[in-house]
Protein backbone atom coordinates (compact mmCIF):
# COMPACT_ATOMS: atom_id res chain seq x y z
CA MET A 1 -18.83 25.08 -2.88
CA ASP A 2 -16.21 27.73 -2.05
CA LEU A 3 -16.32 27.56 1.75
CA GLN A 4 -17.13 24.59 4.00
CA GLN A 5 -16.48 23.69 7.59
CA LEU A 6 -15.72 20.48 9.47
CA VAL A 7 -16.14 20.23 13.22
CA VAL A 8 -14.49 17.16 14.77
CA ASP A 9 -13.69 15.96 18.27
CA SER A 10 -10.10 15.05 17.31
CA TYR A 11 -7.90 14.57 14.27
CA PHE A 12 -4.66 12.94 13.20
CA ASP A 13 -2.66 15.43 11.14
CA GLY A 14 -0.41 12.88 9.41
CA ARG A 15 2.10 12.74 12.25
CA LYS A 16 0.36 13.39 15.56
CA LEU A 17 -3.00 12.99 17.19
CA ARG A 18 -4.68 16.30 17.95
CA GLY A 19 -7.06 15.59 20.81
CA GLN A 20 -8.88 17.79 23.28
CA GLY A 21 -11.25 19.16 20.66
CA PRO A 22 -13.55 20.12 19.20
CA TYR A 23 -11.75 21.63 16.23
CA ALA A 24 -13.28 23.68 13.45
CA ILE A 25 -11.50 23.16 10.12
CA THR A 26 -12.44 25.51 7.30
CA LEU A 27 -12.03 24.38 3.69
CA ARG A 28 -11.86 26.85 0.83
CA GLN A 29 -11.91 25.50 -2.73
CA GLY A 30 -10.36 22.21 -1.71
CA VAL A 31 -7.63 23.69 0.50
CA ILE A 32 -7.47 23.84 4.31
CA ASP A 33 -7.99 27.51 5.06
CA SER A 34 -7.94 27.51 8.86
CA ILE A 35 -7.89 25.23 11.90
CA ARG A 36 -9.31 26.56 15.16
CA GLN A 37 -9.99 24.95 18.48
CA GLY A 38 -13.66 25.35 19.30
CA ASP A 39 -17.09 24.45 18.02
CA GLY A 40 -17.14 26.43 14.81
CA CYS A 41 -17.39 29.92 13.44
CA ALA A 42 -20.02 31.63 11.32
CA SER A 43 -23.33 29.78 11.30
CA ASP A 44 -23.90 30.49 7.60
CA ILE A 45 -20.98 28.21 6.55
CA PRO A 46 -22.12 24.69 5.58
CA THR A 47 -20.89 22.47 8.39
CA ARG A 48 -20.34 18.73 8.70
CA ARG A 49 -19.60 17.11 12.05
CA GLY A 50 -17.80 13.94 13.01
CA ALA A 51 -15.76 12.30 15.72
CA PHE A 52 -12.41 11.90 13.99
CA LEU A 53 -10.60 13.15 10.89
CA MET A 54 -7.39 12.04 9.19
CA PRO A 55 -5.66 12.31 5.80
CA GLY A 56 -6.62 9.88 3.08
CA MET A 57 -4.66 6.66 3.46
CA VAL A 58 -2.07 5.20 1.08
CA GLU A 59 -2.18 1.58 -0.10
CA ALA A 60 1.51 0.98 -0.74
CA HIS A 61 1.27 -2.40 -2.48
CA CYS A 62 -1.65 -3.81 -4.47
CA HIS A 63 -2.59 -5.31 -7.83
CA LEU A 64 -5.71 -3.57 -9.05
CA PHE A 65 -6.48 -6.01 -11.86
CA LEU A 66 -6.80 -8.94 -9.43
CA ASP A 67 -9.90 -9.65 -7.34
CA GLY A 68 -8.70 -10.76 -3.93
CA GLY A 69 -12.23 -11.72 -3.00
CA GLU A 70 -12.23 -14.60 -5.49
CA LEU A 71 -11.31 -17.56 -3.31
CA ASP A 72 -11.59 -20.40 -5.83
CA ILE A 73 -8.05 -21.25 -6.91
CA VAL A 74 -9.12 -22.69 -10.28
CA ARG A 75 -11.14 -19.59 -11.18
CA ARG A 76 -8.27 -17.36 -10.07
CA ALA A 77 -5.90 -19.19 -12.40
CA SER A 78 -8.30 -19.07 -15.37
CA TYR A 79 -8.92 -15.35 -14.82
CA LEU A 80 -5.30 -14.62 -15.79
CA LYS A 81 -6.38 -15.41 -19.37
CA ALA A 82 -9.47 -13.18 -19.21
CA PRO A 83 -10.08 -10.41 -21.78
CA ARG A 84 -8.42 -7.11 -20.95
CA GLU A 85 -11.79 -5.35 -20.64
CA GLU A 86 -12.76 -7.77 -17.87
CA MET A 87 -9.50 -6.98 -16.07
CA LEU A 88 -10.17 -3.26 -16.42
CA ALA A 89 -13.62 -3.73 -14.91
CA VAL A 90 -12.07 -5.56 -11.96
CA GLY A 91 -9.51 -2.76 -11.60
CA ARG A 92 -12.20 -0.07 -11.54
CA ARG A 93 -14.08 -2.02 -8.88
CA SER A 94 -10.85 -2.40 -6.88
CA LEU A 95 -10.37 1.35 -6.91
CA ALA A 96 -13.95 1.94 -5.74
CA GLN A 97 -13.46 -0.53 -2.89
CA SER A 98 -10.25 1.25 -1.92
CA ALA A 99 -11.92 4.67 -1.94
CA ALA A 100 -14.73 3.38 0.28
CA ALA A 101 -12.10 2.30 2.83
CA GLY A 102 -10.62 5.79 3.04
CA ILE A 103 -7.71 5.19 0.66
CA SER A 104 -6.89 8.09 -1.65
CA LEU A 105 -3.58 6.93 -3.14
CA VAL A 106 -2.54 3.44 -4.25
CA ARG A 107 0.70 2.06 -5.61
CA ASP A 108 -0.03 -0.68 -8.10
CA ALA A 109 2.76 -3.25 -8.06
CA GLY A 110 2.41 -4.28 -11.67
CA ASP A 111 0.54 -6.31 -14.25
CA ILE A 112 1.73 -7.57 -17.61
CA HIS A 113 -1.36 -6.21 -19.41
CA GLY A 114 -0.85 -2.51 -18.62
CA VAL A 115 -4.17 -2.35 -16.78
CA ASN A 116 -2.66 -0.22 -14.00
CA LEU A 117 -1.39 2.31 -16.53
CA GLN A 118 -4.81 2.71 -18.15
CA LEU A 119 -6.49 3.04 -14.77
CA ARG A 120 -4.03 5.78 -13.82
CA GLY A 121 -5.08 7.68 -16.93
CA GLU A 122 -8.76 7.30 -16.07
CA ALA A 123 -8.44 8.18 -12.39
CA GLY A 124 -8.78 11.94 -12.73
CA SER A 125 -11.94 11.77 -14.86
CA THR A 126 -14.24 9.69 -12.65
CA ALA A 127 -17.42 11.10 -11.16
CA TRP A 128 -16.54 9.56 -7.78
CA PRO A 129 -13.46 10.11 -5.58
CA CYS A 130 -11.12 7.66 -7.32
CA PRO A 131 -7.75 7.21 -5.59
CA ALA A 132 -4.71 8.53 -7.39
CA ILE A 133 -2.42 5.79 -8.69
CA VAL A 134 1.35 5.34 -8.61
CA CYS A 135 2.19 2.75 -11.27
CA ALA A 136 4.89 0.17 -11.76
CA GLY A 137 3.54 -0.67 -15.20
CA ARG A 138 5.22 -4.02 -15.74
CA ALA A 139 7.73 -5.35 -13.23
CA ILE A 140 11.06 -6.94 -14.19
CA ARG A 141 11.72 -10.67 -13.71
CA ASN A 142 14.46 -12.99 -14.86
CA ALA A 143 13.73 -15.37 -17.71
CA GLY A 144 11.59 -18.33 -16.68
CA ARG A 145 11.24 -17.19 -13.07
CA TYR A 146 8.24 -16.27 -10.90
CA GLY A 147 5.97 -13.38 -11.85
CA SER A 148 4.67 -13.95 -15.39
CA PHE A 149 1.32 -12.26 -14.58
CA MET A 150 2.97 -8.98 -13.60
CA ALA A 151 6.47 -8.81 -15.05
CA GLN A 152 8.39 -8.55 -18.29
CA GLU A 153 11.18 -11.08 -18.75
CA ALA A 154 14.80 -9.98 -18.83
CA THR A 155 15.92 -12.50 -21.44
CA ASP A 156 19.18 -10.70 -22.22
CA ALA A 157 21.12 -9.69 -19.11
CA SER A 158 23.19 -7.27 -21.18
CA SER A 159 20.13 -5.12 -21.91
CA LEU A 160 18.83 -4.49 -18.39
CA GLU A 161 19.45 -0.75 -18.67
CA ALA A 162 17.48 -0.62 -21.92
CA MET A 163 14.60 -2.49 -20.27
CA VAL A 164 14.52 -0.03 -17.37
CA ALA A 165 14.53 2.89 -19.83
CA GLU A 166 11.65 1.34 -21.76
CA LEU A 167 9.56 0.75 -18.64
CA ALA A 168 10.35 4.18 -17.19
CA VAL A 169 8.59 5.89 -20.10
CA ASP A 170 5.27 4.97 -18.46
CA ALA A 171 6.10 3.71 -14.97
CA ASP A 172 6.26 6.00 -11.93
CA GLN A 173 8.47 3.48 -10.10
CA ILE A 174 10.41 0.40 -11.23
CA LYS A 175 9.56 -2.91 -9.60
CA VAL A 176 12.04 -5.79 -9.53
CA LEU A 177 11.21 -9.40 -8.69
CA MET A 178 14.28 -10.28 -6.65
CA THR A 179 13.00 -13.63 -5.39
CA GLY A 180 10.25 -16.16 -5.86
CA ILE A 181 7.41 -16.85 -3.46
CA ILE A 182 7.41 -18.76 -0.19
CA ASP A 183 6.99 -22.52 -0.14
CA PHE A 184 4.86 -22.88 2.98
CA GLU A 185 5.27 -26.65 3.11
CA ALA A 186 9.05 -26.21 3.28
CA GLY A 187 8.84 -22.97 5.27
CA GLU A 188 11.31 -21.12 3.03
CA VAL A 189 11.58 -19.09 -0.18
CA LYS A 190 11.48 -21.08 -3.40
CA GLY A 191 14.72 -21.05 -5.36
CA PRO A 192 17.70 -18.69 -5.36
CA PRO A 193 17.44 -14.93 -5.98
CA GLN A 194 16.37 -14.01 -9.50
CA PHE A 195 19.20 -11.52 -10.11
CA THR A 196 22.86 -11.33 -9.17
CA LEU A 197 24.21 -8.35 -7.27
CA ASP A 198 25.69 -6.91 -10.46
CA GLN A 199 22.38 -7.23 -12.31
CA ALA A 200 20.33 -5.76 -9.47
CA ARG A 201 22.78 -2.88 -9.08
CA ARG A 202 22.54 -2.09 -12.79
CA ILE A 203 18.74 -1.99 -12.57
CA ALA A 204 18.87 0.28 -9.51
CA GLN A 205 21.41 2.65 -11.05
CA ALA A 206 19.55 2.84 -14.37
CA ALA A 207 16.30 3.67 -12.57
CA LYS A 208 17.97 6.28 -10.38
CA ALA A 209 19.52 7.96 -13.43
CA LEU A 210 16.00 8.31 -14.84
CA GLY A 211 14.58 9.68 -11.58
CA ARG A 212 12.63 6.53 -10.71
CA ARG A 213 12.42 4.87 -7.31
CA THR A 214 12.73 1.11 -7.19
CA PHE A 215 10.90 -1.49 -5.11
CA ALA A 216 11.72 -5.15 -4.84
CA HIS A 217 9.48 -8.17 -4.35
CA CYS A 218 11.86 -9.88 -1.99
CA SER A 219 11.82 -12.44 0.82
CA GLY A 220 14.61 -14.51 2.33
CA ALA A 221 17.99 -13.36 3.62
CA ALA A 222 19.87 -14.06 0.36
CA GLY A 223 17.58 -11.97 -1.82
CA ILE A 224 17.30 -9.15 0.71
CA ASP A 225 21.11 -9.01 0.98
CA ILE A 226 21.35 -8.45 -2.78
CA ALA A 227 18.53 -5.88 -2.84
CA LEU A 228 20.16 -3.85 -0.06
CA ALA A 229 23.65 -4.01 -1.53
CA ALA A 230 22.30 -3.04 -4.96
CA GLY A 231 20.70 0.13 -3.62
CA LEU A 232 17.05 -0.70 -4.29
CA ASP A 233 14.77 1.72 -2.48
CA SER A 234 12.15 -0.54 -0.90
CA ILE A 235 11.75 -4.12 0.24
CA GLU A 236 8.26 -5.53 -0.39
CA HIS A 237 7.08 -8.45 1.78
CA GLY A 238 10.51 -9.06 3.34
CA PHE A 239 9.68 -12.31 5.10
CA PHE A 240 12.68 -13.81 6.92
CA VAL A 241 14.38 -10.39 7.09
CA THR A 242 17.14 -10.32 9.72
CA ARG A 243 17.81 -7.67 12.33
CA GLU A 244 21.14 -6.83 10.73
CA GLN A 245 19.33 -6.22 7.45
CA LEU A 246 16.80 -4.01 9.22
CA ARG A 247 19.63 -1.98 10.73
CA ILE A 248 21.03 -1.44 7.23
CA MET A 249 17.58 -0.35 6.05
CA ALA A 250 17.28 2.11 8.93
CA ASP A 251 20.75 3.53 8.24
CA GLN A 252 20.13 3.90 4.49
CA GLY A 253 16.48 4.95 4.58
CA ILE A 254 15.32 1.87 2.66
CA SER A 255 11.61 1.36 3.20
CA TRP A 256 9.81 -1.85 4.06
CA VAL A 257 6.25 -2.88 3.13
CA PRO A 258 5.67 -6.03 5.24
CA THR A 259 2.32 -7.21 3.71
CA PHE A 260 1.03 -9.44 6.50
CA ALA A 261 -2.42 -9.91 4.95
CA PRO A 262 -1.77 -12.57 2.26
CA VAL A 263 0.18 -14.85 4.60
CA HIS A 264 -2.34 -14.28 7.38
CA PHE A 265 -5.13 -15.32 5.01
CA GLN A 266 -3.31 -18.55 4.17
CA ARG A 267 -3.05 -19.26 7.89
CA SER A 268 -6.69 -18.43 8.58
CA ARG A 269 -8.07 -20.48 5.65
CA PRO A 270 -5.58 -23.33 5.11
CA GLU A 271 -8.26 -25.64 3.70
CA LEU A 272 -8.59 -23.53 0.54
CA ALA A 273 -5.04 -24.37 -0.55
CA GLY A 274 -5.01 -27.77 1.14
CA TRP A 275 -2.15 -26.88 3.48
CA SER A 276 -0.85 -29.66 5.66
CA THR A 277 -0.37 -29.51 9.43
CA ARG A 278 3.30 -28.86 8.74
CA ALA A 279 2.51 -25.92 6.44
CA VAL A 280 0.14 -24.41 9.02
CA ALA A 281 2.89 -24.61 11.64
CA ASN A 282 5.27 -22.89 9.20
CA LEU A 283 2.71 -20.17 8.54
CA GLU A 284 2.38 -19.51 12.25
CA ARG A 285 6.16 -19.41 12.67
CA ILE A 286 6.59 -17.04 9.72
CA LEU A 287 3.91 -14.65 10.95
CA ASP A 288 5.29 -14.67 14.49
CA GLY A 289 8.80 -13.85 13.24
CA HIS A 290 7.41 -11.12 11.00
CA ARG A 291 5.62 -9.49 13.94
CA GLN A 292 8.80 -9.49 15.99
CA GLN A 293 10.83 -7.95 13.18
CA LEU A 294 8.19 -5.29 12.53
CA GLU A 295 8.30 -4.13 16.12
CA TYR A 296 12.09 -3.94 15.92
CA ALA A 297 11.97 -2.08 12.58
CA TYR A 298 9.82 0.67 14.07
CA ARG A 299 12.01 0.82 17.15
CA ILE A 300 15.19 1.51 15.14
CA GLY A 301 13.61 3.84 12.56
CA VAL A 302 13.08 1.77 9.41
CA PRO A 303 10.62 3.70 7.20
CA VAL A 304 7.74 1.21 7.22
CA LEU A 305 4.81 1.66 4.82
CA VAL A 306 1.41 -0.02 4.84
CA GLY A 307 0.54 -2.27 1.93
CA SER A 308 -1.87 -5.20 1.92
CA ASP A 309 -0.89 -6.86 -1.39
CA ALA A 310 -4.59 -6.59 -2.25
CA GLY A 311 -5.56 -8.79 -5.16
CA SER A 312 -3.70 -11.74 -3.66
CA HIS A 313 -5.73 -14.78 -2.65
CA GLY A 314 -8.23 -13.68 0.00
CA VAL A 315 -6.89 -10.12 0.17
CA ARG A 316 -9.71 -7.77 -0.81
CA HIS A 317 -9.05 -4.23 -1.92
CA GLY A 318 -9.90 -1.71 0.79
CA HIS A 319 -11.19 -4.16 3.40
CA SER A 320 -7.87 -6.00 3.71
CA TYR A 321 -5.94 -2.72 3.97
CA VAL A 322 -7.71 -2.03 7.27
CA GLU A 323 -6.99 -5.63 8.27
CA GLU A 324 -3.30 -5.02 7.47
CA LEU A 325 -3.33 -2.05 9.85
CA MET A 326 -4.85 -4.23 12.54
CA LEU A 327 -2.28 -6.96 12.00
CA MET A 328 0.53 -4.42 12.25
CA ALA A 329 -0.99 -2.99 15.41
CA GLY A 330 -1.00 -6.53 16.78
CA ALA A 331 2.79 -6.49 16.56
CA GLY A 332 2.84 -3.73 19.17
CA VAL A 333 3.13 -0.72 16.86
CA GLY A 334 1.68 2.46 18.36
CA LEU A 335 -1.24 3.97 16.45
CA GLU A 336 0.39 7.35 15.78
CA LYS A 337 3.37 5.61 14.16
CA LEU A 338 1.08 3.28 12.26
CA LEU A 339 -1.12 6.04 10.85
CA HIS A 340 1.98 8.04 9.90
CA SER A 341 3.08 4.99 7.89
CA ALA A 342 -0.38 4.90 6.30
CA THR A 343 -0.66 8.60 5.38
CA ALA A 344 2.20 11.10 5.42
CA LEU A 345 5.29 8.88 5.14
CA PRO A 346 4.67 7.28 1.72
CA ARG A 347 3.67 10.59 0.21
CA SER A 348 6.91 12.12 1.49
CA LEU A 349 9.11 9.24 0.26
CA TRP A 350 7.42 9.19 -3.14
CA ARG A 351 7.50 13.00 -3.43
CA ARG A 352 3.74 13.29 -3.73
CA ALA A 353 1.76 16.33 -2.61
CA THR A 354 1.21 16.38 1.13
CA ALA A 355 -2.19 15.49 2.54
CA ASP A 356 -1.29 16.52 6.10
CA ILE A 357 -4.05 18.32 7.94
CA ALA A 358 -2.42 21.74 8.09
CA VAL A 359 -3.30 25.21 6.88
CA GLY A 360 -2.49 25.52 3.18
CA SER A 361 -2.57 21.78 2.45
CA ARG A 362 -4.78 20.28 -0.22
CA ALA A 363 -7.76 18.78 1.59
CA ASP A 364 -7.63 15.00 1.15
CA LEU A 365 -9.59 13.81 4.16
CA VAL A 366 -11.41 10.87 5.71
CA LEU A 367 -14.11 11.45 8.31
CA TYR A 368 -15.18 8.86 10.90
CA ASP A 369 -18.03 8.69 13.40
CA LYS A 370 -15.69 7.12 15.97
CA SER A 371 -12.00 7.51 16.73
CA PRO A 372 -9.59 4.62 16.08
CA PHE A 373 -7.68 5.82 19.13
CA ASP A 374 -10.67 4.59 21.13
CA ALA A 375 -11.10 1.37 19.11
CA LEU A 376 -9.04 0.47 16.06
CA SER A 377 -12.09 -1.15 14.47
CA ALA A 378 -13.46 2.37 13.91
CA LEU A 379 -11.34 2.41 10.74
CA ARG A 380 -13.89 0.01 9.25
CA ASP A 381 -16.60 2.71 9.30
CA VAL A 382 -15.79 5.61 7.00
CA ALA A 383 -18.44 8.31 7.34
CA ALA A 384 -17.31 10.40 4.36
CA VAL A 385 -14.29 11.33 2.29
CA TYR A 386 -13.38 14.80 1.07
CA THR A 387 -11.42 15.12 -2.16
CA GLY A 388 -11.56 17.49 -5.08
CA GLY A 389 -13.49 20.08 -3.09
CA ARG A 390 -16.46 17.86 -2.19
CA PHE A 391 -17.71 15.31 0.31
CA ASP A 392 -18.71 11.81 -0.72
CA ARG A 393 -20.29 9.02 1.26
CA PHE A 394 -20.15 5.30 0.58
CA GLU A 395 -22.42 2.43 1.45
CA LYS A 396 -20.83 0.35 4.17
CA ALA A 397 -19.12 -2.65 2.59
CA ALA A 398 -19.93 -6.15 3.74
CA ALA A 399 -17.45 -7.59 6.25
């Protein structure tokens, strides 16, 4: 359909809330043709109405091949040996769940099987509004260290540049596993950083020479120190980050994806992993510190992105992204700043086409029957998405 019209009470353009509507937004062949204040124009233009409109959201950290809704730890472990076709089916379902939540771009943080790369190739040929995919392909880990399900081992430290060059053939960005995971019983990161400063710097420089951004799985002050000094572009998770480190990130434009959701799930369902009273207390302390640091990061201008780490235990694609937004809002982040982190900012940092609601922009839109500025829970109820020149509706997912 060449010409369509949206009439909404308010909209978020990617940076600011535009209230005091209604607004009539005309779409011509998938591009925003005009934005006018008022209740519409010619009556012969097909018109759809809603309460609130915003750009499609960006899931900045997920693993499409993992089903976060699978809560049984034994089945999760056995799945890592599943046939590749089964993993692809899970990945396709993950993308559909993301689309139904209003997500139109995801960054997959890696899998050893290349599932994310194949899904990226399929994304443009689906009959439904599949999110576009930014791929890490396979991440990089040090020999014998954490991350075997998503990362290629660097067994020869002298060939790190060659490994980056090999991965960059397919990968949009290069992911580095700088640290292990958190030991919740001890309340700290397991083990020392995976790479030395020299090694991390070589990875960062090799990726930059090939035009690839880097992002680092990294928690704990020691690992974050190395990642920042090496010039890696983004800190993923970043638990135990210090204020001095956040000031460096603000000064250097290094982004942060804080991924509250997986740790919050562990706190909310400790019985699934058999966490002790001590571990639960550590989880509460870690989340409280993370909230405080997030508020400070926004205050000083760290470029914060929204990523749920979907696919992790209890972290469902799509549904948990909205939960991540709510958890971040609970740290005191204003909604305009939060939605900027969820829409325009990652696209700008990653040099993707804008989805801002502005004349001349490609129309990549999510329509709601209620405004999240009235109640944040409105983000749970997507009325329709508009991509590729058409509207699509989804059945409401179970809570």
